């Protein structure tokens, strides 16, 4: 079952990277509105375009994972996205994180270990 790990890690990195890029894109956008100007700015924002690319590649990878591995294992390993999201929040977005959140991250990693074992 360990063969799923590289695929799952790549997919989780793409998903969390896409979320970080989406956050960065929206921070640059200002207030949300339904105007054509807002949507033009959004679709020409490189963070937003890169976000879409990350999500698209992650989806294709997810299709491969679903085809070749048990759903119960594959879906459970998607929780690693939370781990990468926490790390990205601290490193890229400069957010602070409490000890209890880091304990939660460690529990997720431990749970994933038992899932693939």
N, C-alpha and C. Protein backbone atom coordinates (compact mmCIF):
# COMPACT_ATOMS: atom_id res chain seq x y z
N UNK A 1 0.82 -1.20 0.00
CA UNK A 1 0.00 0.00 0.00
C UNK A 1 0.86 1.26 0.00
N UNK A 2 2.14 1.13 0.27
CA UNK A 2 3.02 2.29 0.33
C UNK A 2 3.20 2.95 -1.03
N UNK A 3 2.83 2.27 -2.12
CA UNK A 3 2.99 2.84 -3.46
C UNK A 3 2.12 4.08 -3.67
N UNK A 4 1.07 4.21 -2.89
CA UNK A 4 0.16 5.35 -3.03
C UNK A 4 0.78 6.64 -2.49
N UNK A 5 1.74 6.54 -1.59
CA UNK A 5 2.27 7.71 -0.88
C UNK A 5 2.79 8.80 -1.82
N UNK A 6 3.66 8.52 -2.81
CA UNK A 6 4.14 9.62 -3.65
C UNK A 6 3.02 10.30 -4.44
N UNK A 7 2.07 9.52 -4.91
CA UNK A 7 0.95 10.10 -5.65
C UNK A 7 0.08 10.97 -4.75
N UNK A 8 -0.19 10.46 -3.56
CA UNK A 8 -1.02 11.19 -2.61
C UNK A 8 -0.33 12.47 -2.14
N UNK A 9 0.97 12.38 -1.87
CA UNK A 9 1.71 13.58 -1.46
C UNK A 9 1.69 14.64 -2.56
N UNK A 10 1.91 14.22 -3.79
CA UNK A 10 1.90 15.17 -4.91
C UNK A 10 0.52 15.81 -5.05
N UNK A 11 -0.52 15.01 -4.95
CA UNK A 11 -1.87 15.54 -5.09
C UNK A 11 -2.20 16.51 -3.95
N UNK A 12 -1.81 16.17 -2.74
CA UNK A 12 -2.07 17.05 -1.60
C UNK A 12 -1.27 18.35 -1.70
N UNK A 13 -0.04 18.26 -2.17
CA UNK A 13 0.76 19.48 -2.37
C UNK A 13 0.12 20.38 -3.42
N UNK A 14 -0.38 19.79 -4.50
CA UNK A 14 -1.04 20.59 -5.54
C UNK A 14 -2.31 21.24 -5.01
N UNK A 15 -3.10 20.49 -4.23
CA UNK A 15 -4.34 21.06 -3.68
C UNK A 15 -4.06 22.19 -2.69
N UNK A 16 -3.12 21.97 -1.78
CA UNK A 16 -2.83 23.03 -0.81
C UNK A 16 -2.13 24.21 -1.49
N UNK A 17 -1.27 23.93 -2.46
CA UNK A 17 -0.65 25.02 -3.22
C UNK A 17 -1.69 25.84 -3.97
N UNK A 18 -2.67 25.16 -4.54
CA UNK A 18 -3.75 25.87 -5.23
C UNK A 18 -4.54 26.75 -4.28
N UNK A 19 -4.78 26.27 -3.07
CA UNK A 19 -5.51 27.08 -2.09
C UNK A 19 -4.71 28.31 -1.68
N UNK A 20 -3.42 28.14 -1.50
CA UNK A 20 -2.57 29.29 -1.14
C UNK A 20 -2.55 30.31 -2.28
N UNK A 21 -2.43 29.82 -3.51
CA UNK A 21 -2.45 30.73 -4.66
C UNK A 21 -3.79 31.44 -4.78
N UNK A 22 -4.88 30.75 -4.48
CA UNK A 22 -6.20 31.38 -4.50
C UNK A 22 -6.29 32.47 -3.44
N UNK A 23 -5.77 32.19 -2.26
CA UNK A 23 -5.75 33.20 -1.19
C UNK A 23 -4.95 34.43 -1.62
N UNK A 24 -3.78 34.21 -2.22
CA UNK A 24 -2.95 35.33 -2.68
C UNK A 24 -3.66 36.12 -3.78
N UNK A 25 -4.32 35.42 -4.69
CA UNK A 25 -5.05 36.10 -5.76
C UNK A 25 -6.15 36.98 -5.19
N UNK A 26 -6.90 36.44 -4.25
CA UNK A 26 -8.02 37.20 -3.69
C UNK A 26 -7.54 38.36 -2.82
N UNK A 27 -6.38 38.25 -2.20
CA UNK A 27 -5.84 39.36 -1.44
C UNK A 27 -5.51 40.54 -2.34
N UNK A 28 -5.10 40.26 -3.58
CA UNK A 28 -4.77 41.32 -4.53
C UNK A 28 -6.01 41.95 -5.17
N UNK A 29 -7.14 41.29 -5.08
CA UNK A 29 -8.31 41.69 -5.85
C UNK A 29 -9.12 42.82 -5.23
N UNK A 30 -9.02 43.04 -3.98
CA UNK A 30 -9.88 44.04 -3.35
C UNK A 30 -11.26 43.42 -3.09
N UNK A 31 -12.27 44.25 -3.02
CA UNK A 31 -13.62 43.79 -2.71
C UNK A 31 -14.21 42.97 -3.86
N UNK A 32 -14.93 41.93 -3.48
CA UNK A 32 -15.61 41.10 -4.47
C UNK A 32 -16.77 41.87 -5.07
N UNK A 33 -16.95 41.73 -6.37
CA UNK A 33 -18.12 42.32 -7.02
C UNK A 33 -18.46 41.51 -8.26
N UNK A 34 -19.67 41.67 -8.75
CA UNK A 34 -20.12 40.94 -9.94
C UNK A 34 -19.89 41.74 -11.21
N UNK A 35 -19.02 42.71 -11.15
CA UNK A 35 -18.76 43.54 -12.32
C UNK A 35 -17.79 42.87 -13.28
N UNK A 36 -17.87 43.28 -14.53
CA UNK A 36 -16.96 42.74 -15.54
C UNK A 36 -15.51 43.11 -15.23
N UNK A 37 -15.30 44.26 -14.66
CA UNK A 37 -13.95 44.70 -14.30
C UNK A 37 -13.31 43.76 -13.29
N UNK A 38 -14.07 43.36 -12.27
CA UNK A 38 -13.57 42.43 -11.27
C UNK A 38 -13.15 41.12 -11.92
N UNK A 39 -14.00 40.58 -12.78
CA UNK A 39 -13.73 39.29 -13.40
C UNK A 39 -12.56 39.37 -14.38
N UNK A 40 -12.40 40.49 -15.04
CA UNK A 40 -11.24 40.66 -15.92
C UNK A 40 -9.95 40.67 -15.10
N UNK A 41 -9.97 41.39 -13.98
CA UNK A 41 -8.80 41.42 -13.11
C UNK A 41 -8.50 40.03 -12.55
N UNK A 42 -9.56 39.31 -12.19
CA UNK A 42 -9.37 37.98 -11.62
C UNK A 42 -8.74 37.02 -12.62
N UNK A 43 -9.28 36.98 -13.83
CA UNK A 43 -8.80 36.01 -14.82
C UNK A 43 -7.46 36.41 -15.45
N UNK A 44 -6.99 37.60 -15.17
CA UNK A 44 -5.65 37.98 -15.62
C UNK A 44 -4.64 38.01 -14.47
N UNK A 45 -5.08 37.59 -13.30
CA UNK A 45 -4.23 37.51 -12.12
C UNK A 45 -3.44 36.20 -12.20
N UNK A 46 -2.11 36.29 -12.21
CA UNK A 46 -1.31 35.08 -12.39
C UNK A 46 -1.47 34.10 -11.25
N UNK A 47 -1.71 34.59 -10.03
CA UNK A 47 -1.95 33.68 -8.91
C UNK A 47 -3.20 32.84 -9.16
N UNK A 48 -4.23 33.49 -9.68
CA UNK A 48 -5.48 32.78 -9.95
C UNK A 48 -5.31 31.75 -11.06
N UNK A 49 -4.58 32.10 -12.10
CA UNK A 49 -4.33 31.17 -13.21
C UNK A 49 -3.50 29.99 -12.73
N UNK A 50 -2.49 30.24 -11.91
CA UNK A 50 -1.67 29.15 -11.37
C UNK A 50 -2.48 28.27 -10.43
N UNK A 51 -3.40 28.88 -9.70
CA UNK A 51 -4.31 28.14 -8.83
C UNK A 51 -5.13 27.15 -9.65
N UNK A 52 -5.67 27.62 -10.76
CA UNK A 52 -6.45 26.75 -11.63
C UNK A 52 -5.62 25.61 -12.20
N UNK A 53 -4.38 25.90 -12.55
CA UNK A 53 -3.48 24.86 -13.07
C UNK A 53 -3.22 23.81 -11.98
N UNK A 54 -2.97 24.26 -10.76
CA UNK A 54 -2.74 23.31 -9.66
C UNK A 54 -3.96 22.42 -9.44
N UNK A 55 -5.14 23.01 -9.42
CA UNK A 55 -6.36 22.23 -9.22
C UNK A 55 -6.60 21.26 -10.38
N UNK A 56 -6.32 21.70 -11.60
CA UNK A 56 -6.51 20.84 -12.76
C UNK A 56 -5.58 19.63 -12.72
N UNK A 57 -4.31 19.86 -12.44
CA UNK A 57 -3.34 18.76 -12.37
C UNK A 57 -3.69 17.83 -11.20
N UNK A 58 -4.09 18.42 -10.08
CA UNK A 58 -4.47 17.61 -8.91
C UNK A 58 -5.67 16.72 -9.23
N UNK A 59 -6.59 17.23 -10.03
CA UNK A 59 -7.77 16.45 -10.40
C UNK A 59 -7.39 15.26 -11.29
N UNK A 60 -6.51 15.49 -12.24
CA UNK A 60 -6.06 14.39 -13.10
C UNK A 60 -5.31 13.35 -12.27
N UNK A 61 -4.49 13.79 -11.35
CA UNK A 61 -3.76 12.88 -10.47
C UNK A 61 -4.74 12.11 -9.58
N UNK A 62 -5.77 12.77 -9.11
CA UNK A 62 -6.80 12.13 -8.28
C UNK A 62 -7.51 11.03 -9.08
N UNK A 63 -7.76 11.28 -10.35
CA UNK A 63 -8.38 10.27 -11.20
C UNK A 63 -7.48 9.04 -11.30
N UNK A 64 -6.18 9.24 -11.45
CA UNK A 64 -5.23 8.13 -11.50
C UNK A 64 -5.25 7.36 -10.17
N UNK A 65 -5.22 8.10 -9.06
CA UNK A 65 -5.21 7.47 -7.75
C UNK A 65 -6.47 6.63 -7.56
N UNK A 66 -7.63 7.18 -7.90
CA UNK A 66 -8.88 6.45 -7.74
C UNK A 66 -8.92 5.19 -8.59
N UNK A 67 -8.33 5.24 -9.75
CA UNK A 67 -8.32 4.09 -10.66
C UNK A 67 -7.46 2.95 -10.12
N UNK A 68 -6.36 3.27 -9.42
CA UNK A 68 -5.38 2.25 -9.06
C UNK A 68 -5.30 1.88 -7.57
N UNK A 69 -5.99 2.61 -6.71
CA UNK A 69 -5.88 2.34 -5.28
C UNK A 69 -7.27 2.32 -4.64
N UNK A 70 -7.40 1.66 -3.48
CA UNK A 70 -8.70 1.63 -2.79
C UNK A 70 -9.15 3.03 -2.38
N UNK A 71 -10.42 3.30 -2.58
CA UNK A 71 -10.98 4.61 -2.25
C UNK A 71 -10.80 4.94 -0.76
N UNK A 72 -11.00 3.95 0.10
CA UNK A 72 -10.92 4.20 1.55
C UNK A 72 -9.54 4.69 1.95
N UNK A 73 -8.52 4.20 1.30
CA UNK A 73 -7.15 4.64 1.60
C UNK A 73 -6.89 5.99 0.95
N UNK A 74 -7.22 6.10 -0.34
CA UNK A 74 -6.94 7.32 -1.10
C UNK A 74 -7.63 8.53 -0.48
N UNK A 75 -8.90 8.39 -0.15
CA UNK A 75 -9.65 9.53 0.39
C UNK A 75 -9.14 9.93 1.77
N UNK A 76 -8.78 8.94 2.56
CA UNK A 76 -8.24 9.25 3.90
C UNK A 76 -6.92 9.99 3.82
N UNK A 77 -6.09 9.63 2.85
CA UNK A 77 -4.80 10.29 2.71
C UNK A 77 -4.91 11.73 2.23
N UNK A 78 -6.06 12.10 1.70
CA UNK A 78 -6.25 13.50 1.31
C UNK A 78 -6.19 14.44 2.51
N UNK A 79 -6.32 13.88 3.70
CA UNK A 79 -6.22 14.73 4.90
C UNK A 79 -4.83 15.34 5.04
N UNK A 80 -3.84 14.79 4.33
CA UNK A 80 -2.51 15.41 4.35
C UNK A 80 -2.52 16.82 3.76
N UNK A 81 -3.56 17.14 3.01
CA UNK A 81 -3.71 18.49 2.49
C UNK A 81 -3.77 19.50 3.64
N UNK A 82 -4.40 19.12 4.75
CA UNK A 82 -4.47 20.00 5.92
C UNK A 82 -3.08 20.26 6.49
N UNK A 83 -2.24 19.24 6.47
CA UNK A 83 -0.88 19.39 6.98
C UNK A 83 -0.11 20.40 6.13
N UNK A 84 -0.15 20.20 4.80
CA UNK A 84 0.56 21.12 3.92
C UNK A 84 -0.06 22.52 3.96
N UNK A 85 -1.36 22.59 4.16
CA UNK A 85 -2.01 23.89 4.28
C UNK A 85 -1.54 24.65 5.51
N UNK A 86 -1.39 23.94 6.63
CA UNK A 86 -0.88 24.59 7.85
C UNK A 86 0.54 25.09 7.65
N UNK A 87 1.38 24.26 7.05
CA UNK A 87 2.76 24.66 6.82
C UNK A 87 2.81 25.88 5.90
N UNK A 88 2.00 25.87 4.84
CA UNK A 88 1.97 26.99 3.90
C UNK A 88 1.43 28.25 4.57
N UNK A 89 0.46 28.10 5.45
CA UNK A 89 -0.09 29.27 6.15
C UNK A 89 0.98 29.96 6.97
N UNK A 90 1.83 29.17 7.61
CA UNK A 90 2.89 29.74 8.44
C UNK A 90 4.03 30.28 7.59
N UNK A 91 4.47 29.50 6.60
CA UNK A 91 5.66 29.87 5.83
C UNK A 91 5.36 30.93 4.78
N UNK A 92 4.30 30.73 4.01
CA UNK A 92 4.01 31.63 2.88
C UNK A 92 3.16 32.82 3.30
N UNK A 93 2.09 32.54 4.05
CA UNK A 93 1.15 33.61 4.41
C UNK A 93 1.51 34.30 5.72
N UNK A 94 2.53 33.83 6.40
CA UNK A 94 3.03 34.43 7.65
C UNK A 94 1.97 34.48 8.74
N UNK A 95 1.13 33.45 8.79
CA UNK A 95 0.11 33.35 9.84
C UNK A 95 0.72 32.67 11.06
N UNK A 96 0.17 32.96 12.22
CA UNK A 96 0.62 32.30 13.44
C UNK A 96 -0.27 31.08 13.68
N UNK A 97 0.31 30.07 14.29
CA UNK A 97 -0.43 28.85 14.55
C UNK A 97 -0.16 28.38 15.98
N UNK A 98 -1.22 27.97 16.65
CA UNK A 98 -1.10 27.57 18.06
C UNK A 98 -0.56 26.15 18.19
N UNK A 99 -0.13 25.83 19.38
CA UNK A 99 0.38 24.50 19.67
C UNK A 99 -0.69 23.44 19.43
N UNK A 100 -1.92 23.74 19.79
CA UNK A 100 -2.99 22.74 19.61
C UNK A 100 -3.20 22.42 18.13
N UNK A 101 -3.00 23.38 17.25
CA UNK A 101 -3.12 23.10 15.82
C UNK A 101 -1.99 22.19 15.35
N UNK A 102 -0.79 22.42 15.86
CA UNK A 102 0.34 21.57 15.49
C UNK A 102 0.16 20.16 16.03
N UNK A 103 -0.45 20.03 17.19
CA UNK A 103 -0.76 18.70 17.72
C UNK A 103 -1.76 18.01 16.80
N UNK A 104 -2.74 18.75 16.32
CA UNK A 104 -3.70 18.20 15.37
C UNK A 104 -3.03 17.73 14.09
N UNK A 105 -2.07 18.50 13.59
CA UNK A 105 -1.32 18.13 12.40
C UNK A 105 -0.56 16.82 12.64
N UNK A 106 0.05 16.70 13.79
CA UNK A 106 0.78 15.47 14.12
C UNK A 106 -0.17 14.27 14.19
N UNK A 107 -1.36 14.47 14.72
CA UNK A 107 -2.34 13.39 14.77
C UNK A 107 -2.79 12.97 13.37
N UNK A 108 -2.93 13.94 12.47
CA UNK A 108 -3.29 13.61 11.09
C UNK A 108 -2.20 12.76 10.44
N UNK A 109 -0.95 13.17 10.61
CA UNK A 109 0.16 12.41 10.03
C UNK A 109 0.19 11.01 10.64
N UNK A 110 0.00 10.90 11.93
CA UNK A 110 -0.03 9.57 12.57
C UNK A 110 -1.18 8.72 12.04
N UNK A 111 -2.33 9.32 11.87
CA UNK A 111 -3.46 8.59 11.32
C UNK A 111 -3.19 8.09 9.91
N UNK A 112 -2.55 8.91 9.10
CA UNK A 112 -2.22 8.50 7.74
C UNK A 112 -1.23 7.34 7.73
N UNK A 113 -0.32 7.37 8.67
CA UNK A 113 0.62 6.24 8.79
C UNK A 113 -0.13 4.93 9.02
N UNK A 114 -1.08 4.95 9.94
CA UNK A 114 -1.83 3.74 10.24
C UNK A 114 -2.74 3.32 9.09
N UNK A 115 -3.18 4.25 8.30
CA UNK A 115 -4.04 3.92 7.16
C UNK A 115 -3.28 3.14 6.10
N UNK A 116 -2.04 3.54 5.82
CA UNK A 116 -1.28 2.85 4.77
C UNK A 116 -0.53 1.63 5.28
N UNK A 117 -0.40 1.49 6.58
CA UNK A 117 0.35 0.37 7.14
C UNK A 117 -0.38 -0.94 6.94
